[in-house]
Amino acid sequence: MKKITLIFVLLLMISGVGFAQKVKQDTIRIQTSGQCEMCKERIEKALAYEKGVKSADYNEENAVVTVIYHPDKTNPDKLRKAITALGHDADDQPGDPKAYAKLPNCCKKPQDRK
């Protein structure tokens, strides 16, 4: 009986090795032109819908969004494009002008506020 139990435990351990493998994740920090809490909500929500994104955390103080993502499903360029589609700049890529024009006044760059 002890041998059967030992064999059963060994088989479970061997089969469990495949489940213990970690999925590779990368982290990127993207400088944005976001200004306020509304920007934070907009950017984090948009990135949450991007395939491969595990989490997105926007820091209002320095306007940087930290994204943890699966590199086999997305890449930094796609993440930046998702942000620029909202009208916000993403690193050196300017936000979409049409989307930027639709942003609330508080979400626009200080020099563009009315």
PDB file of N, CA and C in Angstrom:
ATOM      1  N   MET A   1       0.825  -1.193   0.000  1.00  0.00           N
ATOM      2  CA  MET A   1       0.000   0.000   0.000  1.00  0.00           C
ATOM      3  C   MET A   1       0.869   1.257   0.000  1.00  0.00           C
ATOM      4  N   LYS A   2       1.995   1.205   0.737  1.00  0.00           N
ATOM      5  CA  LYS A   2       2.889   2.355   0.787  1.00  0.00           C
ATOM      6  C   LYS A   2       3.504   2.631  -0.579  1.00  0.00           C
ATOM      7  N   LYS A   3       3.822   1.557  -1.314  1.00  0.00           N
ATOM      8  CA  LYS A   3       4.409   1.732  -2.637  1.00  0.00           C
ATOM      9  C   LYS A   3       3.412   2.390  -3.594  1.00  0.00           C
ATOM     10  N   ILE A   4       2.156   1.985  -3.516  1.00  0.00           N
ATOM     11  CA  ILE A   4       1.119   2.562  -4.377  1.00  0.00           C
ATOM     12  C   ILE A   4       0.943   4.042  -4.058  1.00  0.00           C
ATOM     13  N   THR A   5       0.922   4.366  -2.785  1.00  0.00           N
ATOM     14  CA  THR A   5       0.782   5.766  -2.372  1.00  0.00           C
ATOM     15  C   THR A   5       1.976   6.579  -2.847  1.00  0.00           C
ATOM     16  N   LEU A   6       3.177   6.041  -2.706  1.00  0.00           N
ATOM     17  CA  LEU A   6       4.381   6.724  -3.138  1.00  0.00           C
ATOM     18  C   LEU A   6       4.367   6.954  -4.650  1.00  0.00           C
ATOM     19  N   ILE A   7       3.979   5.949  -5.404  1.00  0.00           N
ATOM     20  CA  ILE A   7       3.895   6.085  -6.863  1.00  0.00           C
ATOM     21  C   ILE A   7       2.856   7.135  -7.236  1.00  0.00           C
ATOM     22  N   PHE A   8       1.725   7.133  -6.549  1.00  0.00           N
ATOM     23  CA  PHE A   8       0.664   8.106  -6.814  1.00  0.00           C
ATOM     24  C   PHE A   8       1.158   9.531  -6.554  1.00  0.00           C
ATOM     25  N   VAL A   9       1.860   9.730  -5.455  1.00  0.00           N
ATOM     26  CA  VAL A   9       2.399  11.053  -5.109  1.00  0.00           C
ATOM     27  C   VAL A   9       3.427  11.493  -6.145  1.00  0.00           C
ATOM     28  N   LEU A  10       4.296  10.591  -6.554  1.00  0.00           N
ATOM     29  CA  LEU A  10       5.299  10.919  -7.567  1.00  0.00           C
ATOM     30  C   LEU A  10       4.653  11.297  -8.896  1.00  0.00           C
ATOM     31  N   LEU A  11       3.633  10.576  -9.287  1.00  0.00           N
ATOM     32  CA  LEU A  11       2.924  10.906 -10.526  1.00  0.00           C
ATOM     33  C   LEU A  11       2.267  12.278 -10.443  1.00  0.00           C
ATOM     34  N   LEU A  12       1.683  12.586  -9.312  1.00  0.00           N
ATOM     35  CA  LEU A  12       1.082  13.907  -9.126  1.00  0.00           C
ATOM     36  C   LEU A  12       2.133  15.007  -9.212  1.00  0.00           C
ATOM     37  N   MET A  13       3.283  14.772  -8.612  1.00  0.00           N
ATOM     38  CA  MET A  13       4.347  15.772  -8.645  1.00  0.00           C
ATOM     39  C   MET A  13       4.859  15.978 -10.065  1.00  0.00           C
ATOM     40  N   ILE A  14       5.035  14.900 -10.793  1.00  0.00           N
ATOM     41  CA  ILE A  14       5.525  14.985 -12.169  1.00  0.00           C
ATOM     42  C   ILE A  14       4.506  15.701 -13.052  1.00  0.00           C
ATOM     43  N   SER A  15       3.248  15.369 -12.919  1.00  0.00           N
ATOM     44  CA  SER A  15       2.224  16.009 -13.751  1.00  0.00           C
ATOM     45  C   SER A  15       2.012  17.458 -13.348  1.00  0.00           C
ATOM     46  N   GLY A  16       2.295  17.804 -12.113  1.00  0.00           N
ATOM     47  CA  GLY A  16       2.118  19.177 -11.643  1.00  0.00           C
ATOM     48  C   GLY A  16       3.208  20.118 -12.101  1.00  0.00           C
ATOM     49  N   VAL A  17       4.315  19.600 -12.602  1.00  0.00           N
ATOM     50  CA  VAL A  17       5.414  20.437 -13.059  1.00  0.00           C
ATOM     51  C   VAL A  17       4.963  21.352 -14.189  1.00  0.00           C
ATOM     52  N   GLY A  18       4.173  20.856 -15.102  1.00  0.00           N
ATOM     53  CA  GLY A  18       3.677  21.665 -16.212  1.00  0.00           C
ATOM     54  C   GLY A  18       2.788  22.799 -15.752  1.00  0.00           C
ATOM     55  N   PHE A  19       2.052  22.589 -14.682  1.00  0.00           N
ATOM     56  CA  PHE A  19       1.171  23.628 -14.177  1.00  0.00           C
ATOM     57  C   PHE A  19       1.930  24.713 -13.428  1.00  0.00           C
ATOM     58  N   ALA A  20       3.112  24.393 -12.951  1.00  0.00           N
ATOM     59  CA  ALA A  20       3.876  25.338 -12.149  1.00  0.00           C
ATOM     60  C   ALA A  20       4.687  26.321 -12.996  1.00  0.00           C
ATOM     61  N   GLN A  21       4.706  26.128 -14.306  1.00  0.00           N
ATOM     62  CA  GLN A  21       5.470  27.022 -15.164  1.00  0.00           C
ATOM     63  C   GLN A  21       4.848  28.412 -15.146  1.00  0.00           C
ATOM     64  N   LYS A  22       5.714  29.410 -15.047  1.00  0.00           N
ATOM     65  CA  LYS A  22       5.238  30.791 -15.007  1.00  0.00           C
ATOM     66  C   LYS A  22       5.098  31.327 -16.422  1.00  0.00           C
ATOM     67  N   VAL A  23       4.079  32.141 -16.608  1.00  0.00           N
ATOM     68  CA  VAL A  23       3.891  32.833 -17.875  1.00  0.00           C
ATOM     69  C   VAL A  23       4.768  34.075 -17.840  1.00  0.00           C
ATOM     70  N   LYS A  24       5.517  34.304 -18.900  1.00  0.00           N
ATOM     71  CA  LYS A  24       6.418  35.449 -18.946  1.00  0.00           C
ATOM     72  C   LYS A  24       5.625  36.741 -18.981  1.00  0.00           C
ATOM     73  N   GLN A  25       6.048  37.698 -18.170  1.00  0.00           N
ATOM     74  CA  GLN A  25       5.430  39.017 -18.128  1.00  0.00           C
ATOM     75  C   GLN A  25       6.518  40.073 -18.228  1.00  0.00           C
ATOM     76  N   ASP A  26       6.174  41.195 -18.853  1.00  0.00           N
ATOM     77  CA  ASP A  26       7.069  42.336 -18.918  1.00  0.00           C
ATOM     78  C   ASP A  26       6.365  43.535 -18.308  1.00  0.00           C
ATOM     79  N   THR A  27       7.144  44.531 -17.948  1.00  0.00           N
ATOM     80  CA  THR A  27       6.608  45.768 -17.405  1.00  0.00           C
ATOM     81  C   THR A  27       7.160  46.927 -18.209  1.00  0.00           C
ATOM     82  N   ILE A  28       6.297  47.887 -18.497  1.00  0.00           N
ATOM     83  CA  ILE A  28       6.719  49.088 -19.203  1.00  0.00           C
ATOM     84  C   ILE A  28       6.120  50.297 -18.496  1.00  0.00           C
ATOM     85  N   ARG A  29       6.861  51.384 -18.496  1.00  0.00           N
ATOM     86  CA  ARG A  29       6.380  52.654 -17.964  1.00  0.00           C
ATOM     87  C   ARG A  29       6.284  53.625 -19.122  1.00  0.00           C
ATOM     88  N   ILE A  30       5.092  54.167 -19.322  1.00  0.00           N
ATOM     89  CA  ILE A  30       4.844  55.056 -20.451  1.00  0.00           C
ATOM     90  C   ILE A  30       4.486  56.443 -19.921  1.00  0.00           C
ATOM     91  N   GLN A  31       5.245  57.450 -20.360  1.00  0.00           N
ATOM     92  CA  GLN A  31       4.958  58.841 -19.999  1.00  0.00           C
ATOM     93  C   GLN A  31       3.768  59.310 -20.829  1.00  0.00           C
ATOM     94  N   THR A  32       2.751  59.845 -20.173  1.00  0.00           N
ATOM     95  CA  THR A  32       1.559  60.302 -20.881  1.00  0.00           C
ATOM     96  C   THR A  32       1.346  61.787 -20.665  1.00  0.00           C
ATOM     97  N   SER A  33       0.344  62.315 -21.342  1.00  0.00           N
ATOM     98  CA  SER A  33      -0.021  63.726 -21.156  1.00  0.00           C
ATOM     99  C   SER A  33      -1.276  63.848 -20.300  1.00  0.00           C
ATOM    100  N   GLY A  34      -1.627  62.802 -19.584  1.00  0.00           N
ATOM    101  CA  GLY A  34      -2.795  62.841 -18.704  1.00  0.00           C
ATOM    102  C   GLY A  34      -2.635  63.884 -17.620  1.00  0.00           C
ATOM    103  N   GLN A  35      -3.769  64.403 -17.135  1.00  0.00           N
ATOM    104  CA  GLN A  35      -3.724  65.507 -16.187  1.00  0.00           C
ATOM    105  C   GLN A  35      -4.462  65.258 -14.874  1.00  0.00           C
ATOM    106  N   CYS A  36      -5.465  64.388 -14.886  1.00  0.00           N
ATOM    107  CA  CYS A  36      -6.358  64.333 -13.724  1.00  0.00           C
ATOM    108  C   CYS A  36      -6.877  62.909 -13.465  1.00  0.00           C
ATOM    109  N   GLU A  37      -7.779  62.813 -12.508  1.00  0.00           N
ATOM    110  CA  GLU A  37      -8.393  61.531 -12.146  1.00  0.00           C
ATOM    111  C   GLU A  37      -9.192  60.952 -13.324  1.00  0.00           C
ATOM    112  N   MET A  38      -9.830  61.817 -14.105  1.00  0.00           N
ATOM    113  CA  MET A  38     -10.577  61.331 -15.273  1.00  0.00           C
ATOM    114  C   MET A  38      -9.625  60.691 -16.286  1.00  0.00           C
ATOM    115  N   CYS A  39      -8.464  61.273 -16.455  1.00  0.00           N
ATOM    116  CA  CYS A  39      -7.459  60.708 -17.360  1.00  0.00           C
ATOM    117  C   CYS A  39      -7.024  59.334 -16.851  1.00  0.00           C
ATOM    118  N   LYS A  40      -6.787  59.248 -15.552  1.00  0.00           N
ATOM    119  CA  LYS A  40      -6.391  57.986 -14.930  1.00  0.00           C
ATOM    120  C   LYS A  40      -7.410  56.901 -15.237  1.00  0.00           C
ATOM    121  N   GLU A  41      -8.681  57.200 -15.000  1.00  0.00           N
ATOM    122  CA  GLU A  41      -9.747  56.218 -15.252  1.00  0.00           C
ATOM    123  C   GLU A  41      -9.806  55.833 -16.723  1.00  0.00           C
ATOM    124  N   ARG A  42      -9.707  56.812 -17.596  1.00  0.00           N
ATOM    125  CA  ARG A  42      -9.806  56.569 -19.040  1.00  0.00           C
ATOM    126  C   ARG A  42      -8.661  55.676 -19.521  1.00  0.00           C
ATOM    127  N   ILE A  43      -7.442  56.010 -19.103  1.00  0.00           N
ATOM    128  CA  ILE A  43      -6.258  55.267 -19.563  1.00  0.00           C
ATOM    129  C   ILE A  43      -6.249  53.847 -18.998  1.00  0.00           C
ATOM    130  N   GLU A  44      -6.501  53.722 -17.706  1.00  0.00           N
ATOM    131  CA  GLU A  44      -6.498  52.386 -17.098  1.00  0.00           C
ATOM    132  C   GLU A  44      -7.599  51.506 -17.688  1.00  0.00           C
ATOM    133  N   LYS A  45      -8.761  52.084 -17.937  1.00  0.00           N
ATOM    134  CA  LYS A  45      -9.867  51.304 -18.499  1.00  0.00           C
ATOM    135  C   LYS A  45      -9.535  50.845 -19.924  1.00  0.00           C
ATOM    136  N   ALA A  46      -9.010  51.741 -20.731  1.00  0.00           N
ATOM    137  CA  ALA A  46      -8.665  51.377 -22.115  1.00  0.00           C
ATOM    138  C   ALA A  46      -7.609  50.275 -22.139  1.00  0.00           C
ATOM    139  N   LEU A  47      -6.609  50.384 -21.287  1.00  0.00           N
ATOM    140  CA  LEU A  47      -5.561  49.373 -21.273  1.00  0.00           C
ATOM    141  C   LEU A  47      -6.063  48.044 -20.722  1.00  0.00           C
ATOM    142  N   ALA A  48      -7.045  48.085 -19.846  1.00  0.00           N
ATOM    143  CA  ALA A  48      -7.612  46.841 -19.309  1.00  0.00           C
ATOM    144  C   ALA A  48      -8.261  46.011 -20.413  1.00  0.00           C
ATOM    145  N   TYR A  49      -8.733  46.672 -21.462  1.00  0.00           N
ATOM    146  CA  TYR A  49      -9.372  45.966 -22.571  1.00  0.00           C
ATOM    147  C   TYR A  49      -8.380  45.508 -23.641  1.00  0.00           C
ATOM    148  N   GLU A  50      -7.127  45.907 -23.508  1.00  0.00           N
ATOM    149  CA  GLU A  50      -6.117  45.482 -24.476  1.00  0.00           C
ATOM    150  C   GLU A  50      -5.712  44.035 -24.193  1.00  0.00           C
ATOM    151  N   LYS A  51      -5.668  43.255 -25.239  1.00  0.00           N
ATOM    152  CA  LYS A  51      -5.281  41.847 -25.107  1.00  0.00           C
ATOM    153  C   LYS A  51      -3.861  41.757 -24.563  1.00  0.00           C
ATOM    154  N   GLY A  52      -3.666  40.911 -23.556  1.00  0.00           N
ATOM    155  CA  GLY A  52      -2.351  40.672 -22.995  1.00  0.00           C
ATOM    156  C   GLY A  52      -1.981  41.549 -21.811  1.00  0.00           C
ATOM    157  N   VAL A  53      -2.822  42.543 -21.493  1.00  0.00           N
ATOM    158  CA  VAL A  53      -2.502  43.418 -20.363  1.00  0.00           C
ATOM    159  C   VAL A  53      -2.999  42.783 -19.075  1.00  0.00           C
ATOM    160  N   LYS A  54      -2.087  42.623 -18.131  1.00  0.00           N
ATOM    161  CA  LYS A  54      -2.450  42.068 -16.836  1.00  0.00           C
ATOM    162  C   LYS A  54      -2.914  43.178 -15.898  1.00  0.00           C
ATOM    163  N   SER A  55      -2.197  44.310 -15.891  1.00  0.00           N
ATOM    164  CA  SER A  55      -2.599  45.438 -15.059  1.00  0.00           C
ATOM    165  C   SER A  55      -2.027  46.729 -15.615  1.00  0.00           C
ATOM    166  N   ALA A  56      -2.707  47.822 -15.299  1.00  0.00           N
ATOM    167  CA  ALA A  56      -2.253  49.161 -15.676  1.00  0.00           C
ATOM    168  C   ALA A  56      -2.520  50.075 -14.498  1.00  0.00           C
ATOM    169  N   ASP A  57      -1.493  50.805 -14.087  1.00  0.00           N
ATOM    170  CA  ASP A  57      -1.624  51.716 -12.954  1.00  0.00           C
ATOM    171  C   ASP A  57      -1.075  53.079 -13.355  1.00  0.00           C
ATOM    172  N   TYR A  58      -1.954  54.070 -13.353  1.00  0.00           N
ATOM    173  CA  TYR A  58      -1.594  55.427 -13.748  1.00  0.00           C
ATOM    174  C   TYR A  58      -1.272  56.250 -12.511  1.00  0.00           C
ATOM    175  N   ASN A  59      -0.128  56.913 -12.516  1.00  0.00           N
ATOM    176  CA  ASN A  59       0.289  57.782 -11.420  1.00  0.00           C
ATOM    177  C   ASN A  59       0.049  59.227 -11.847  1.00  0.00           C
ATOM    178  N   GLU A  60      -0.898  59.894 -11.194  1.00  0.00           N
ATOM    179  CA  GLU A  60      -1.244  61.269 -11.552  1.00  0.00           C
ATOM    180  C   GLU A  60      -0.104  62.259 -11.297  1.00  0.00           C
ATOM    181  N   GLU A  61       0.703  62.005 -10.284  1.00  0.00           N
ATOM    182  CA  GLU A  61       1.760  62.943  -9.922  1.00  0.00           C
ATOM    183  C   GLU A  61       2.802  63.117 -11.018  1.00  0.00           C
ATOM    184  N   ASN A  62       3.170  62.037 -11.681  1.00  0.00           N
ATOM    185  CA  ASN A  62       4.189  62.136 -12.729  1.00  0.00           C
ATOM    186  C   ASN A  62       3.660  61.770 -14.115  1.00  0.00           C
ATOM    187  N   ALA A  63       2.357  61.504 -14.224  1.00  0.00           N
ATOM    188  CA  ALA A  63       1.694  61.178 -15.498  1.00  0.00           C
ATOM    189  C   ALA A  63       2.320  59.967 -16.196  1.00  0.00           C
ATOM    190  N   VAL A  64       2.693  58.974 -15.401  1.00  0.00           N
ATOM    191  CA  VAL A  64       3.278  57.747 -15.946  1.00  0.00           C
ATOM    192  C   VAL A  64       2.334  56.591 -15.676  1.00  0.00           C
ATOM    193  N   VAL A  65       2.088  55.794 -16.710  1.00  0.00           N
ATOM    194  CA  VAL A  65       1.291  54.586 -16.537  1.00  0.00           C
ATOM    195  C   VAL A  65       2.239  53.391 -16.579  1.00  0.00           C
ATOM    196  N   THR A  66       2.121  52.542 -15.572  1.00  0.00           N
ATOM    197  CA  THR A  66       2.936  51.327 -15.487  1.00  0.00           C
ATOM    198  C   THR A  66       2.052  50.165 -15.906  1.00  0.00           C
ATOM    199  N   VAL A  67       2.489  49.459 -16.934  1.00  0.00           N
ATOM    200  CA  VAL A  67       1.689  48.372 -17.500  1.00  0.00           C
ATOM    201  C   VAL A  67       2.452  47.060 -17.370  1.00  0.00           C
ATOM    202  N   ILE A  68       1.781  46.059 -16.809  1.00  0.00           N
ATOM    203  CA  ILE A  68       2.315  44.699 -16.780  1.00  0.00           C
ATOM    204  C   ILE A  68       1.559  43.928 -17.851  1.00  0.00           C
ATOM    205  N   TYR A  69       2.295  43.312 -18.755  1.00  0.00           N
ATOM    206  CA  TYR A  69       1.667  42.664 -19.905  1.00  0.00           C
ATOM    207  C   TYR A  69       2.394  41.374 -20.279  1.00  0.00           C
ATOM    208  N   HIS A  70       1.715  40.572 -21.083  1.00  0.00           N
ATOM    209  CA  HIS A  70       2.279  39.327 -21.602  1.00  0.00           C
ATOM    210  C   HIS A  70       2.862  39.628 -22.989  1.00  0.00           C
ATOM    211  N   PRO A  71       4.179  39.549 -23.156  1.00  0.00           N
ATOM    212  CA  PRO A  71       4.803  39.922 -24.426  1.00  0.00           C
ATOM    213  C   PRO A  71       4.444  39.017 -25.602  1.00  0.00           C
ATOM    214  N   ASP A  72       3.884  37.845 -25.334  1.00  0.00           N
ATOM    215  CA  ASP A  72       3.467  36.989 -26.436  1.00  0.00           C
ATOM    216  C   ASP A  72       2.100  37.414 -26.985  1.00  0.00           C
ATOM    217  N   LYS A  73       1.424  38.341 -26.303  1.00  0.00           N
ATOM    218  CA  LYS A  73       0.100  38.776 -26.743  1.00  0.00           C
ATOM    219  C   LYS A  73       0.047  40.237 -27.155  1.00  0.00           C
ATOM    220  N   THR A  74       0.982  41.051 -26.698  1.00  0.00           N
ATOM    221  CA  THR A  74       1.010  42.470 -27.069  1.00  0.00           C
ATOM    222  C   THR A  74       2.440  42.975 -26.969  1.00  0.00           C
ATOM    223  N   ASN A  75       2.634  44.239 -27.315  1.00  0.00           N
ATOM    224  CA  ASN A  75       3.978  44.816 -27.245  1.00  0.00           C
ATOM    225  C   ASN A  75       3.867  46.301 -26.901  1.00  0.00           C
ATOM    226  N   PRO A  76       4.986  46.952 -26.564  1.00  0.00           N
ATOM    227  CA  PRO A  76       4.938  48.355 -26.166  1.00  0.00           C
ATOM    228  C   PRO A  76       4.316  49.287 -27.204  1.00  0.00           C
ATOM    229  N   ASP A  77       4.563  49.032 -28.478  1.00  0.00           N
ATOM    230  CA  ASP A  77       3.980  49.896 -29.518  1.00  0.00           C
ATOM    231  C   ASP A  77       2.452  49.835 -29.523  1.00  0.00           C
ATOM    232  N   LYS A  78       1.891  48.649 -29.330  1.00  0.00           N
ATOM    233  CA  LYS A  78       0.434  48.507 -29.276  1.00  0.00           C
ATOM    234  C   LYS A  78      -0.127  49.210 -28.047  1.00  0.00           C
ATOM    235  N   LEU A  79       0.591  49.141 -26.946  1.00  0.00           N
ATOM    236  CA  LEU A  79       0.135  49.803 -25.724  1.00  0.00           C
ATOM    237  C   LEU A  79       0.156  51.324 -25.895  1.00  0.00           C
ATOM    238  N   ARG A  80       1.220  51.835 -26.495  1.00  0.00           N
ATOM    239  CA  ARG A  80       1.287  53.274 -26.760  1.00  0.00           C
ATOM    240  C   ARG A  80       0.174  53.703 -27.708  1.00  0.00           C
ATOM    241  N   LYS A  81      -0.084  52.884 -28.721  1.00  0.00           N
ATOM    242  CA  LYS A  81      -1.135  53.207 -29.690  1.00  0.00           C
ATOM    243  C   LYS A  81      -2.504  53.265 -29.011  1.00  0.00           C
ATOM    244  N   ALA A  82      -2.747  52.377 -28.049  1.00  0.00           N
ATOM    245  CA  ALA A  82      -4.018  52.393 -27.316  1.00  0.00           C
ATOM    246  C   ALA A  82      -4.184  53.697 -26.543  1.00  0.00           C
ATOM    247  N   ILE A  83      -3.080  54.213 -26.005  1.00  0.00           N
ATOM    248  CA  ILE A  83      -3.139  55.477 -25.259  1.00  0.00           C
ATOM    249  C   ILE A  83      -3.315  56.657 -26.208  1.00  0.00           C
ATOM    250  N   THR A  84      -2.582  56.670 -27.309  1.00  0.00           N
ATOM    251  CA  THR A  84      -2.704  57.794 -28.249  1.00  0.00           C
ATOM    252  C   THR A  84      -4.085  57.836 -28.898  1.00  0.00           C
ATOM    253  N   ALA A  85      -4.734  56.691 -29.031  1.00  0.00           N
ATOM    254  CA  ALA A  85      -6.090  56.657 -29.597  1.00  0.00           C
ATOM    255  C   ALA A  85      -7.090  57.387 -28.696  1.00  0.00           C
ATOM    256  N   LEU A  86      -6.742  57.540 -27.413  1.00  0.00           N
ATOM    257  CA  LEU A  86      -7.598  58.259 -26.468  1.00  0.00           C
ATOM    258  C   LEU A  86      -7.406  59.771 -26.563  1.00  0.00           C
ATOM    259  N   GLY A  87      -6.348  60.198 -27.246  1.00  0.00           N
ATOM    260  CA  GLY A  87      -6.037  61.615 -27.351  1.00  0.00           C
ATOM    261  C   GLY A  87      -4.860  62.033 -26.490  1.00  0.00           C
ATOM    262  N   HIS A  88      -4.319  61.126 -25.711  1.00  0.00           N
ATOM    263  CA  HIS A  88      -3.182  61.427 -24.842  1.00  0.00           C
ATOM    264  C   HIS A  88      -1.880  61.055 -25.537  1.00  0.00           C
ATOM    265  N   ASP A  89      -0.831  61.809 -25.247  1.00  0.00           N
ATOM    266  CA  ASP A  89       0.494  61.458 -25.739  1.00  0.00           C
ATOM    267  C   ASP A  89       0.966  60.203 -25.000  1.00  0.00           C
ATOM    268  N   ALA A  90       1.809  59.433 -25.661  1.00  0.00           N
ATOM    269  CA  ALA A  90       2.405  58.244 -25.053  1.00  0.00           C
ATOM    270  C   ALA A  90       3.876  58.222 -25.422  1.00  0.00           C
ATOM    271  N   ASP A  91       4.717  58.562 -24.452  1.00  0.00           N
ATOM    272  CA  ASP A  91       6.146  58.753 -24.674  1.00  0.00           C
ATOM    273  C   ASP A  91       6.336  59.799 -25.771  1.00  0.00           C
ATOM    274  N   ASP A  92       6.974  59.453 -26.869  1.00  0.00           N
ATOM    275  CA  ASP A  92       7.224  60.446 -27.921  1.00  0.00           C
ATOM    276  C   ASP A  92       6.141  60.456 -29.001  1.00  0.00           C
ATOM    277  N   GLN A  93       5.093  59.673 -28.828  1.00  0.00           N
ATOM    278  CA  GLN A  93       4.017  59.618 -29.818  1.00  0.00           C
ATOM    279  C   GLN A  93       2.883  60.554 -29.417  1.00  0.00           C
ATOM    280  N   PRO A  94       2.505  61.459 -30.302  1.00  0.00           N
ATOM    281  CA  PRO A  94       1.426  62.398 -29.974  1.00  0.00           C
ATOM    282  C   PRO A  94       0.058  61.720 -29.988  1.00  0.00           C
ATOM    283  N   GLY A  95      -0.831  62.251 -29.173  1.00  0.00           N
ATOM    284  CA  GLY A  95      -2.195  61.737 -29.130  1.00  0.00           C
ATOM    285  C   GLY A  95      -2.948  62.048 -30.415  1.00  0.00           C
ATOM    286  N   ASP A  96      -3.964  61.242 -30.698  1.00  0.00           N
ATOM    287  CA  ASP A  96      -4.805  61.466 -31.872  1.00  0.00           C
ATOM    288  C   ASP A  96      -5.487  62.835 -31.734  1.00  0.00           C
ATOM    289  N   PRO A  97      -5.335  63.726 -32.733  1.00  0.00           N
ATOM    290  CA  PRO A  97      -5.890  65.078 -32.624  1.00  0.00           C
ATOM    291  C   PRO A  97      -7.416  65.112 -32.480  1.00  0.00           C
ATOM    292  N   LYS A  98      -8.114  64.241 -33.186  1.00  0.00           N
ATOM    293  CA  LYS A  98      -9.580  64.221 -33.090  1.00  0.00           C
ATOM    294  C   LYS A  98     -10.029  63.774 -31.703  1.00  0.00           C
ATOM    295  N   ALA A  99      -9.371  62.754 -31.160  1.00  0.00           N
ATOM    296  CA  ALA A  99      -9.706  62.282 -29.812  1.00  0.00           C
ATOM    297  C   ALA A  99      -9.331  63.335 -28.775  1.00  0.00           C
ATOM    298  N   TYR A 100      -8.198  64.012 -28.985  1.00  0.00           N
ATOM    299  CA  TYR A 100      -7.762  65.055 -28.056  1.00  0.00           C
ATOM    300  C   TYR A 100      -8.781  66.186 -27.996  1.00  0.00           C
ATOM    301  N   ALA A 101      -9.320  66.568 -29.145  1.00  0.00           N
ATOM    302  CA  ALA A 101     -10.305  67.657 -29.204  1.00  0.00           C
ATOM    303  C   ALA A 101     -11.568  67.317 -28.407  1.00  0.00           C
ATOM    304  N   LYS A 102     -11.870  66.031 -28.274  1.00  0.00           N
ATOM    305  CA  LYS A 102     -13.079  65.604 -27.555  1.00  0.00           C
ATOM    306  C   LYS A 102     -12.856  65.443 -26.048  1.00  0.00           C
ATOM    307  N   LEU A 103     -11.605  65.529 -25.599  1.00  0.00           N
ATOM    308  CA  LEU A 103     -11.331  65.383 -24.172  1.00  0.00           C
ATOM    309  C   LEU A 103     -11.936  66.542 -23.382  1.00  0.00           C
ATOM    310  N   PRO A 104     -12.359  66.277 -22.144  1.00  0.00           N
ATOM    311  CA  PRO A 104     -12.813  67.382 -21.292  1.00  0.00           C
ATOM    312  C   PRO A 104     -11.678  68.389 -21.095  1.00  0.00           C
ATOM    313  N   ASN A 105     -12.016  69.610 -20.809  1.00  0.00           N
ATOM    314  CA  ASN A 105     -11.024  70.671 -20.659  1.00  0.00           C
ATOM    315  C   ASN A 105      -9.967  70.332 -19.608  1.00  0.00           C
ATOM    316  N   CYS A 106     -10.367  69.703 -18.519  1.00  0.00           N
ATOM    317  CA  CYS A 106      -9.412  69.381 -17.445  1.00  0.00           C
ATOM    318  C   CYS A 106      -8.403  68.327 -17.873  1.00  0.00           C
ATOM    319  N   CYS A 107      -8.689  67.584 -18.931  1.00  0.00           N
ATOM    320  CA  CYS A 107      -7.804  66.515 -19.392  1.00  0.00           C
ATOM    321  C   CYS A 107      -6.815  66.996 -20.450  1.00  0.00           C
ATOM    322  N   LYS A 108      -6.986  68.218 -20.900  1.00  0.00           N
ATOM    323  CA  LYS A 108      -6.090  68.749 -21.926  1.00  0.00           C
ATOM    324  C   LYS A 108      -4.836  69.319 -21.278  1.00  0.00           C
ATOM    325  N   LYS A 109      -3.820  69.477 -22.083  1.00  0.00           N
ATOM    326  CA  LYS A 109      -2.565  70.047 -21.623  1.00  0.00           C
ATOM    327  C   LYS A 109      -2.823  71.475 -21.137  1.00  0.00           C
ATOM    328  N   PRO A 110      -2.113  71.943 -20.128  1.00  0.00           N
ATOM    329  CA  PRO A 110      -2.368  73.274 -19.565  1.00  0.00           C
ATOM    330  C   PRO A 110      -2.381  74.403 -20.603  1.00  0.00           C
ATOM    331  N   GLN A 111      -1.517  74.327 -21.583  1.00  0.00           N
ATOM    332  CA  GLN A 111      -1.451  75.385 -22.593  1.00  0.00           C
ATOM    333  C   GLN A 111      -2.664  75.378 -23.532  1.00  0.00           C
ATOM    334  N   ASP A 112      -3.436  74.284 -23.556  1.00  0.00           N
ATOM    335  CA  ASP A 112      -4.584  74.182 -24.465  1.00  0.00           C
ATOM    336  C   ASP A 112      -5.917  74.412 -23.765  1.00  0.00           C
ATOM    337  N   ARG A 113      -5.896  74.633 -22.470  1.00  0.00           N
ATOM    338  CA  ARG A 113      -7.153  74.814 -21.742  1.00  0.00           C
ATOM    339  C   ARG A 113      -7.749  76.184 -22.037  1.00  0.00           C
ATOM    340  N   LYS A 114      -9.071  76.200 -22.076  1.00  0.00           N
ATOM    341  CA  LYS A 114      -9.782  77.473 -22.364  1.00  0.00           C
ATOM    342  C   LYS A 114     -10.133  78.177 -21.101  1.00  0.00           C
TER     343      LYS A 114
END
